[in-house]
Amino acid sequence: MMRRYPLFFFVLPLLLLTATAHADVAVAMKAIERGHYSTAQRALRQSAESGDVLAQNNLAYLYEHGLGVNQSHSDALLWYTRAAEGGLAQAQYNLATLYHYGRGILKNQAMALHWYGAAANAGSPEAQYMMGEYKREGWAGKKDAAVALSWYLKAAKKGNAAAQLMASSLYLSGEGWRKEPQKAAVWAELARVNGERQAHLVLAQAGKKIPAKDLEEALFLAGNCLNSGYKSCPE
């Protein structure tokens, strides 16, 4: 079995840089892009206190990393929670990550699962990948590799290379599912194309388990999947 991809790479906080109609949020976004974090936090604060979820998420990010403010995980938790409860998927993901790692707060995988689930159901591919990890590893509940595969596939169809690699791995091993090496080859090839460094190892393993013509077909299917914008992919 391949070496697992380092988890931390995929659970970095998401800083939403989308400007809104609020002038102060737009000013903050430009300040963040230029590294003027003190200006950004001043611009964000008023909108955050007025209930703007984008401002709340980005202000939380500044507090989490001590950018333009004294680092404060309690303030980061406060603002991420407000934005998450306001329905912002990026904030839900970020809040889940705080709980997952216990960054400045007590580690709480049940809360992490809750907020990853909220973000995943809202369409976040990073959160969908993490739901796959939670279900495969059995964090905060029973292991269920079949459910994990379903989450990996959701993220994989949005171009998430890590999820593509994990989907290929489960198809190859048959963990919680039937072994389907040709599908493993398809998703490994997609992961390789999308820059996943370990994908060629899974692709090589899958290629050893199927005839050459089936591997050739898998590569064709991978190209078709990619060209269709992930609308025509095996699962």
C-alpha atoms as a PDB file:
ATOM      1  CA  MET A   1       0.000   0.000   0.000  1.00  0.00           C
ATOM      2  CA  MET A   2       1.188   3.469  -0.789  1.00  0.00           C
ATOM      3  CA  ARG A   3       2.393   5.881   1.861  1.00  0.00           C
ATOM      4  CA  ARG A   4      -0.457   8.133   2.966  1.00  0.00           C
ATOM      5  CA  TYR A   5      -0.333  11.749   1.835  1.00  0.00           C
ATOM      6  CA  PRO A   6       0.477  14.112   4.717  1.00  0.00           C
ATOM      7  CA  LEU A   7      -2.847  15.183   6.158  1.00  0.00           C
ATOM      8  CA  PHE A   8      -1.744  18.643   7.200  1.00  0.00           C
ATOM      9  CA  PHE A   9      -1.302  19.777   3.629  1.00  0.00           C
ATOM     10  CA  PHE A  10      -5.025  19.619   3.026  1.00  0.00           C
ATOM     11  CA  VAL A  11      -6.375  21.230   6.151  1.00  0.00           C
ATOM     12  CA  LEU A  12      -4.859  24.672   5.985  1.00  0.00           C
ATOM     13  CA  PRO A  13      -7.267  27.495   6.830  1.00  0.00           C
ATOM     14  CA  LEU A  14      -9.088  28.992   3.904  1.00  0.00           C
ATOM     15  CA  LEU A  15      -8.842  32.755   3.541  1.00  0.00           C
ATOM     16  CA  LEU A  16     -11.694  33.913   1.363  1.00  0.00           C
ATOM     17  CA  LEU A  17     -10.430  36.758  -0.802  1.00  0.00           C
ATOM     18  CA  THR A  18     -13.703  37.466  -2.550  1.00  0.00           C
ATOM     19  CA  ALA A  19     -14.554  41.170  -2.404  1.00  0.00           C
ATOM     20  CA  THR A  20     -18.138  42.019  -1.522  1.00  0.00           C
ATOM     21  CA  ALA A  21     -20.280  45.065  -2.085  1.00  0.00           C
ATOM     22  CA  HIS A  22     -19.099  46.453   1.265  1.00  0.00           C
ATOM     23  CA  ALA A  23     -16.355  48.980   0.602  1.00  0.00           C
ATOM     24  CA  ASP A  24     -14.502  48.212   3.832  1.00  0.00           C
ATOM     25  CA  VAL A  25     -14.306  44.499   3.009  1.00  0.00           C
ATOM     26  CA  ALA A  26     -12.990  45.307  -0.465  1.00  0.00           C
ATOM     27  CA  VAL A  27     -10.356  47.558   1.110  1.00  0.00           C
ATOM     28  CA  ALA A  28      -9.390  44.744   3.481  1.00  0.00           C
ATOM     29  CA  MET A  29      -9.000  42.278   0.631  1.00  0.00           C
ATOM     30  CA  LYS A  30      -6.608  44.586  -1.203  1.00  0.00           C
ATOM     31  CA  ALA A  31      -4.670  45.206   2.012  1.00  0.00           C
ATOM     32  CA  ILE A  32      -4.330  41.454   2.648  1.00  0.00           C
ATOM     33  CA  GLU A  33      -3.063  40.876  -0.883  1.00  0.00           C
ATOM     34  CA  ARG A  34      -0.374  43.515  -0.239  1.00  0.00           C
ATOM     35  CA  GLY A  35       0.513  42.194   3.215  1.00  0.00           C
ATOM     36  CA  HIS A  36      -0.888  45.264   4.994  1.00  0.00           C
ATOM     37  CA  TYR A  37      -2.553  43.251   7.730  1.00  0.00           C
ATOM     38  CA  SER A  38      -3.064  46.042  10.284  1.00  0.00           C
ATOM     39  CA  THR A  39      -5.027  47.991   7.704  1.00  0.00           C
ATOM     40  CA  ALA A  40      -6.955  44.837   6.817  1.00  0.00           C
ATOM     41  CA  GLN A  41      -8.016  44.039  10.362  1.00  0.00           C
ATOM     42  CA  ARG A  42      -9.250  47.597  10.929  1.00  0.00           C
ATOM     43  CA  ALA A  43     -11.261  47.453   7.729  1.00  0.00           C
ATOM     44  CA  LEU A  44     -12.677  44.013   8.499  1.00  0.00           C
ATOM     45  CA  ARG A  45     -13.707  44.624  12.076  1.00  0.00           C
ATOM     46  CA  GLN A  46     -16.691  46.891  11.457  1.00  0.00           C
ATOM     47  CA  SER A  47     -18.191  44.553   8.851  1.00  0.00           C
ATOM     48  CA  ALA A  48     -17.485  41.524  11.034  1.00  0.00           C
ATOM     49  CA  GLU A  49     -19.255  43.105  13.987  1.00  0.00           C
ATOM     50  CA  SER A  50     -22.170  43.946  11.680  1.00  0.00           C
ATOM     51  CA  GLY A  51     -22.560  40.273  10.768  1.00  0.00           C
ATOM     52  CA  ASP A  52     -20.721  39.997   7.435  1.00  0.00           C
ATOM     53  CA  VAL A  53     -19.615  36.361   7.321  1.00  0.00           C
ATOM     54  CA  LEU A  54     -16.769  36.973   4.845  1.00  0.00           C
ATOM     55  CA  ALA A  55     -15.337  39.650   7.115  1.00  0.00           C
ATOM     56  CA  GLN A  56     -15.758  37.376  10.138  1.00  0.00           C
ATOM     57  CA  ASN A  57     -13.909  34.519   8.434  1.00  0.00           C
ATOM     58  CA  ASN A  58     -11.025  36.701   7.326  1.00  0.00           C
ATOM     59  CA  LEU A  59     -10.755  38.469  10.673  1.00  0.00           C
ATOM     60  CA  ALA A  60     -10.599  35.054  12.339  1.00  0.00           C
ATOM     61  CA  TYR A  61      -7.789  34.084   9.966  1.00  0.00           C
ATOM     62  CA  LEU A  62      -5.808  37.167  10.995  1.00  0.00           C
ATOM     63  CA  TYR A  63      -6.281  36.310  14.670  1.00  0.00           C
ATOM     64  CA  GLU A  64      -5.348  32.666  14.123  1.00  0.00           C
ATOM     65  CA  HIS A  65      -2.043  33.620  12.500  1.00  0.00           C
ATOM     66  CA  GLY A  66      -1.282  36.840  14.337  1.00  0.00           C
ATOM     67  CA  LEU A  67      -1.389  38.987  11.217  1.00  0.00           C
ATOM     68  CA  GLY A  68      -1.934  42.645  12.070  1.00  0.00           C
ATOM     69  CA  VAL A  69      -3.200  41.640  15.521  1.00  0.00           C
ATOM     70  CA  ASN A  70      -1.849  39.751  18.521  1.00  0.00           C
ATOM     71  CA  GLN A  71      -2.323  36.060  17.833  1.00  0.00           C
ATOM     72  CA  SER A  72      -5.418  34.843  19.656  1.00  0.00           C
ATOM     73  CA  HIS A  73      -6.935  31.433  19.049  1.00  0.00           C
ATOM     74  CA  SER A  74      -9.874  32.309  21.280  1.00  0.00           C
ATOM     75  CA  ASP A  75     -10.703  35.291  19.042  1.00  0.00           C
ATOM     76  CA  ALA A  76     -10.154  33.137  15.948  1.00  0.00           C
ATOM     77  CA  LEU A  77     -12.567  30.568  17.380  1.00  0.00           C
ATOM     78  CA  LEU A  78     -15.124  33.284  18.135  1.00  0.00           C
ATOM     79  CA  TRP A  79     -15.116  34.764  14.630  1.00  0.00           C
ATOM     80  CA  TYR A  80     -14.891  31.443  12.782  1.00  0.00           C
ATOM     81  CA  THR A  81     -17.853  30.219  14.822  1.00  0.00           C
ATOM     82  CA  ARG A  82     -19.937  33.272  13.981  1.00  0.00           C
ATOM     83  CA  ALA A  83     -19.185  32.929  10.275  1.00  0.00           C
ATOM     84  CA  ALA A  84     -19.719  29.151  10.359  1.00  0.00           C
ATOM     85  CA  GLU A  85     -23.065  29.530  12.087  1.00  0.00           C
ATOM     86  CA  GLY A  86     -23.886  32.132   9.439  1.00  0.00           C
ATOM     87  CA  GLY A  87     -23.517  29.413   6.806  1.00  0.00           C
ATOM     88  CA  LEU A  88     -20.134  30.228   5.254  1.00  0.00           C
ATOM     89  CA  ALA A  89     -18.570  26.954   4.106  1.00  0.00           C
ATOM     90  CA  GLN A  90     -15.002  28.283   4.264  1.00  0.00           C
ATOM     91  CA  ALA A  91     -15.504  29.269   7.899  1.00  0.00           C
ATOM     92  CA  GLN A  92     -17.067  25.896   8.677  1.00  0.00           C
ATOM     93  CA  TYR A  93     -13.986  24.213   7.241  1.00  0.00           C
ATOM     94  CA  ASN A  94     -11.624  26.494   9.141  1.00  0.00           C
ATOM     95  CA  LEU A  95     -13.506  25.990  12.400  1.00  0.00           C
ATOM     96  CA  ALA A  96     -13.418  22.225  11.886  1.00  0.00           C
ATOM     97  CA  THR A  97      -9.663  22.429  11.397  1.00  0.00           C
ATOM     98  CA  LEU A  98      -9.203  24.246  14.707  1.00  0.00           C
ATOM     99  CA  TYR A  99     -11.101  21.474  16.448  1.00  0.00           C
ATOM    100  CA  HIS A 100      -9.333  18.725  14.478  1.00  0.00           C
ATOM    101  CA  TYR A 101      -5.874  19.846  15.550  1.00  0.00           C
ATOM    102  CA  GLY A 102      -6.774  21.528  18.822  1.00  0.00           C
ATOM    103  CA  ARG A 103      -5.140  24.765  17.700  1.00  0.00           C
ATOM    104  CA  GLY A 104      -5.368  26.944  20.774  1.00  0.00           C
ATOM    105  CA  ILE A 105      -8.417  25.016  21.973  1.00  0.00           C
ATOM    106  CA  LEU A 106      -9.118  21.499  23.178  1.00  0.00           C
ATOM    107  CA  LYS A 107      -8.996  18.968  20.366  1.00  0.00           C
ATOM    108  CA  ASN A 108     -12.520  17.808  19.631  1.00  0.00           C
ATOM    109  CA  GLN A 109     -12.953  15.414  16.715  1.00  0.00           C
ATOM    110  CA  ALA A 110     -16.722  15.212  17.189  1.00  0.00           C
ATOM    111  CA  MET A 111     -16.995  18.970  16.660  1.00  0.00           C
ATOM    112  CA  ALA A 112     -14.525  18.769  13.782  1.00  0.00           C
ATOM    113  CA  LEU A 113     -16.672  16.097  12.132  1.00  0.00           C
ATOM    114  CA  HIS A 114     -19.771  18.240  12.596  1.00  0.00           C
ATOM    115  CA  TRP A 115     -18.281  21.286  10.909  1.00  0.00           C
ATOM    116  CA  TYR A 116     -16.439  19.334   8.203  1.00  0.00           C
ATOM    117  CA  GLY A 117     -19.798  17.738   7.460  1.00  0.00           C
ATOM    118  CA  ALA A 118     -21.506  21.116   7.196  1.00  0.00           C
ATOM    119  CA  ALA A 119     -18.822  22.428   4.836  1.00  0.00           C
ATOM    120  CA  ALA A 120     -18.800  19.192   2.828  1.00  0.00           C
ATOM    121  CA  ASN A 121     -22.564  19.300   2.365  1.00  0.00           C
ATOM    122  CA  ALA A 122     -22.192  22.904   1.212  1.00  0.00           C
ATOM    123  CA  GLY A 123     -19.837  21.670  -1.520  1.00  0.00           C
ATOM    124  CA  SER A 124     -16.332  22.295  -0.156  1.00  0.00           C
ATOM    125  CA  PRO A 125     -13.978  19.750  -1.796  1.00  0.00           C
ATOM    126  CA  GLU A 126     -11.413  20.171   1.009  1.00  0.00           C
ATOM    127  CA  ALA A 127     -14.085  19.320   3.566  1.00  0.00           C
ATOM    128  CA  GLN A 128     -15.327  16.412   1.454  1.00  0.00           C
ATOM    129  CA  TYR A 129     -11.798  15.043   1.407  1.00  0.00           C
ATOM    130  CA  MET A 130     -11.641  15.375   5.190  1.00  0.00           C
ATOM    131  CA  MET A 131     -14.969  13.587   5.568  1.00  0.00           C
ATOM    132  CA  GLY A 132     -13.409  10.745   3.615  1.00  0.00           C
ATOM    133  CA  GLU A 133     -10.481  10.748   6.026  1.00  0.00           C
ATOM    134  CA  TYR A 134     -12.749  10.760   9.065  1.00  0.00           C
ATOM    135  CA  LYS A 135     -14.846   7.874   7.766  1.00  0.00           C
ATOM    136  CA  ARG A 136     -11.874   5.838   6.607  1.00  0.00           C
ATOM    137  CA  GLU A 137      -9.912   6.301   9.832  1.00  0.00           C
ATOM    138  CA  GLY A 138     -12.890   6.038  12.152  1.00  0.00           C
ATOM    139  CA  TRP A 139     -12.253   9.343  13.853  1.00  0.00           C
ATOM    140  CA  ALA A 140     -15.311  10.349  15.907  1.00  0.00           C
ATOM    141  CA  GLY A 141     -17.243   7.249  14.889  1.00  0.00           C
ATOM    142  CA  LYS A 142     -17.108   3.831  13.227  1.00  0.00           C
ATOM    143  CA  LYS A 143     -14.831   3.197  10.288  1.00  0.00           C
ATOM    144  CA  ASP A 144     -16.728   2.993   7.019  1.00  0.00           C
ATOM    145  CA  ALA A 145     -14.517   2.809   3.957  1.00  0.00           C
ATOM    146  CA  ALA A 146     -17.496   2.616   1.587  1.00  0.00           C
ATOM    147  CA  VAL A 147     -18.810   5.947   2.886  1.00  0.00           C
ATOM    148  CA  ALA A 148     -15.256   7.289   2.816  1.00  0.00           C
ATOM    149  CA  LEU A 149     -15.033   6.387  -0.874  1.00  0.00           C
ATOM    150  CA  SER A 150     -18.265   8.245  -1.604  1.00  0.00           C
ATOM    151  CA  TRP A 151     -16.828  11.396  -0.005  1.00  0.00           C
ATOM    152  CA  TYR A 152     -13.491  11.019  -1.784  1.00  0.00           C
ATOM    153  CA  LEU A 153     -15.332  10.732  -5.090  1.00  0.00           C
ATOM    154  CA  LYS A 154     -17.315  13.914  -4.438  1.00  0.00           C
ATOM    155  CA  ALA A 155     -14.074  15.820  -3.890  1.00  0.00           C
ATOM    156  CA  ALA A 156     -12.311  13.964  -6.720  1.00  0.00           C
ATOM    157  CA  LYS A 157     -14.930  15.149  -9.189  1.00  0.00           C
ATOM    158  CA  LYS A 158     -14.071  18.710  -8.230  1.00  0.00           C
ATOM    159  CA  GLY A 159     -10.429  18.188  -9.140  1.00  0.00           C
ATOM    160  CA  ASN A 160      -9.059  17.475  -5.663  1.00  0.00           C
ATOM    161  CA  ALA A 161      -5.928  15.440  -6.419  1.00  0.00           C
ATOM    162  CA  ALA A 162      -5.608  14.009  -2.899  1.00  0.00           C
ATOM    163  CA  ALA A 163      -9.163  12.701  -3.048  1.00  0.00           C
ATOM    164  CA  GLN A 164      -8.516  11.247  -6.487  1.00  0.00           C
ATOM    165  CA  LEU A 165      -5.498   9.418  -5.100  1.00  0.00           C
ATOM    166  CA  MET A 166      -7.415   8.070  -2.104  1.00  0.00           C
ATOM    167  CA  ALA A 167     -10.299   6.929  -4.304  1.00  0.00           C
ATOM    168  CA  SER A 168      -7.828   5.056  -6.497  1.00  0.00           C
ATOM    169  CA  SER A 169      -6.233   3.535  -3.414  1.00  0.00           C
ATOM    170  CA  LEU A 170      -9.564   2.193  -2.121  1.00  0.00           C
ATOM    171  CA  TYR A 171     -10.493   0.808  -5.536  1.00  0.00           C
ATOM    172  CA  LEU A 172      -7.107  -0.900  -5.672  1.00  0.00           C
ATOM    173  CA  SER A 173      -7.178  -2.380  -2.181  1.00  0.00           C
ATOM    174  CA  GLY A 174     -10.886  -3.159  -2.054  1.00  0.00           C
ATOM    175  CA  GLU A 175     -10.979  -1.716   1.451  1.00  0.00           C
ATOM    176  CA  GLY A 176     -14.673  -1.487   2.324  1.00  0.00           C
ATOM    177  CA  TRP A 177     -15.445  -2.049  -1.332  1.00  0.00           C
ATOM    178  CA  ARG A 178     -14.840  -4.533  -4.108  1.00  0.00           C
ATOM    179  CA  LYS A 179     -11.449  -4.427  -5.811  1.00  0.00           C
ATOM    180  CA  GLU A 180     -11.664  -2.587  -9.111  1.00  0.00           C
ATOM    181  CA  PRO A 181      -8.115  -2.042 -10.394  1.00  0.00           C
ATOM    182  CA  GLN A 182      -9.235  -0.460 -13.665  1.00  0.00           C
ATOM    183  CA  LYS A 183     -11.103   2.278 -11.778  1.00  0.00           C
ATOM    184  CA  ALA A 184      -8.056   2.574  -9.550  1.00  0.00           C
ATOM    185  CA  ALA A 185      -5.979   3.237 -12.660  1.00  0.00           C
ATOM    186  CA  VAL A 186      -8.448   5.872 -13.902  1.00  0.00           C
ATOM    187  CA  TRP A 187      -8.368   7.896 -10.685  1.00  0.00           C
ATOM    188  CA  ALA A 188      -4.628   7.414 -10.221  1.00  0.00           C
ATOM    189  CA  GLU A 189      -4.042   8.828 -13.694  1.00  0.00           C
ATOM    190  CA  LEU A 190      -6.251  11.814 -12.910  1.00  0.00           C
ATOM    191  CA  ALA A 191      -4.389  12.381  -9.657  1.00  0.00           C
ATOM    192  CA  ARG A 192      -1.089  12.190 -11.553  1.00  0.00           C
ATOM    193  CA  VAL A 193      -2.254  14.729 -14.134  1.00  0.00           C
ATOM    194  CA  ASN A 194      -3.334  17.027 -11.312  1.00  0.00           C
ATOM    195  CA  GLY A 195       0.102  16.945  -9.717  1.00  0.00           C
ATOM    196  CA  GLU A 196      -0.206  14.254  -7.034  1.00  0.00           C
ATOM    197  CA  ARG A 197       3.364  12.987  -6.708  1.00  0.00           C
ATOM    198  CA  GLN A 198       2.501   9.512  -5.437  1.00  0.00           C
ATOM    199  CA  ALA A 199      -0.098   8.759  -8.088  1.00  0.00           C
ATOM    200  CA  HIS A 200       2.331   7.031 -10.442  1.00  0.00           C
ATOM    201  CA  LEU A 201       2.969   4.386  -7.768  1.00  0.00           C
ATOM    202  CA  VAL A 202      -0.721   3.500  -7.515  1.00  0.00           C
ATOM    203  CA  LEU A 203      -1.051   3.616 -11.294  1.00  0.00           C
ATOM    204  CA  ALA A 204       1.825   1.164 -11.629  1.00  0.00           C
ATOM    205  CA  GLN A 205       0.294  -1.187  -9.039  1.00  0.00           C
ATOM    206  CA  ALA A 206      -3.088  -1.054 -10.769  1.00  0.00           C
ATOM    207  CA  GLY A 207      -1.476  -1.690 -14.141  1.00  0.00           C
ATOM    208  CA  LYS A 208      -0.001  -4.937 -12.849  1.00  0.00           C
ATOM    209  CA  LYS A 209      -3.457  -6.255 -11.971  1.00  0.00           C
ATOM    210  CA  ILE A 210      -5.190  -5.720 -15.323  1.00  0.00           C
ATOM    211  CA  PRO A 211      -4.445  -6.606 -18.956  1.00  0.00           C
ATOM    212  CA  ALA A 212      -2.654  -4.023 -21.062  1.00  0.00           C
ATOM    213  CA  LYS A 213      -5.806  -3.289 -23.058  1.00  0.00           C
ATOM    214  CA  ASP A 214      -7.720  -2.524 -19.837  1.00  0.00           C
ATOM    215  CA  LEU A 215      -4.979  -0.160 -18.706  1.00  0.00           C
ATOM    216  CA  GLU A 216      -5.108   1.562 -22.088  1.00  0.00           C
ATOM    217  CA  GLU A 217      -8.871   1.893 -21.720  1.00  0.00           C
ATOM    218  CA  ALA A 218      -8.420   3.285 -18.189  1.00  0.00           C
ATOM    219  CA  LEU A 219      -6.147   6.015 -19.510  1.00  0.00           C
ATOM    220  CA  PHE A 220      -8.723   6.830 -22.182  1.00  0.00           C
ATOM    221  CA  LEU A 221     -11.479   6.988 -19.551  1.00  0.00           C
ATOM    222  CA  ALA A 222      -9.350   9.283 -17.428  1.00  0.00           C
ATOM    223  CA  GLY A 223      -8.907  11.663 -20.350  1.00  0.00           C
ATOM    224  CA  ASN A 224     -12.610  11.549 -21.105  1.00  0.00           C
ATOM    225  CA  CYS A 225     -13.409  12.271 -17.465  1.00  0.00           C
ATOM    226  CA  LEU A 226     -11.079  15.251 -17.392  1.00  0.00           C
ATOM    227  CA  ASN A 227     -12.292  16.640 -20.721  1.00  0.00           C
ATOM    228  CA  SER A 228     -15.920  16.398 -19.571  1.00  0.00           C
ATOM    229  CA  GLY A 229     -15.210  18.504 -16.505  1.00  0.00           C
ATOM    230  CA  TYR A 230     -15.584  15.376 -14.332  1.00  0.00           C
ATOM    231  CA  LYS A 231     -19.116  14.736 -15.585  1.00  0.00           C
ATOM    232  CA  SER A 232     -18.251  11.405 -17.248  1.00  0.00           C
ATOM    233  CA  CYS A 233     -16.174   9.540 -14.675  1.00  0.00           C
ATOM    234  CA  PRO A 234     -16.332   5.965 -13.379  1.00  0.00           C
ATOM    235  CA  GLU A 235     -17.478   5.411  -9.820  1.00  0.00           C
END
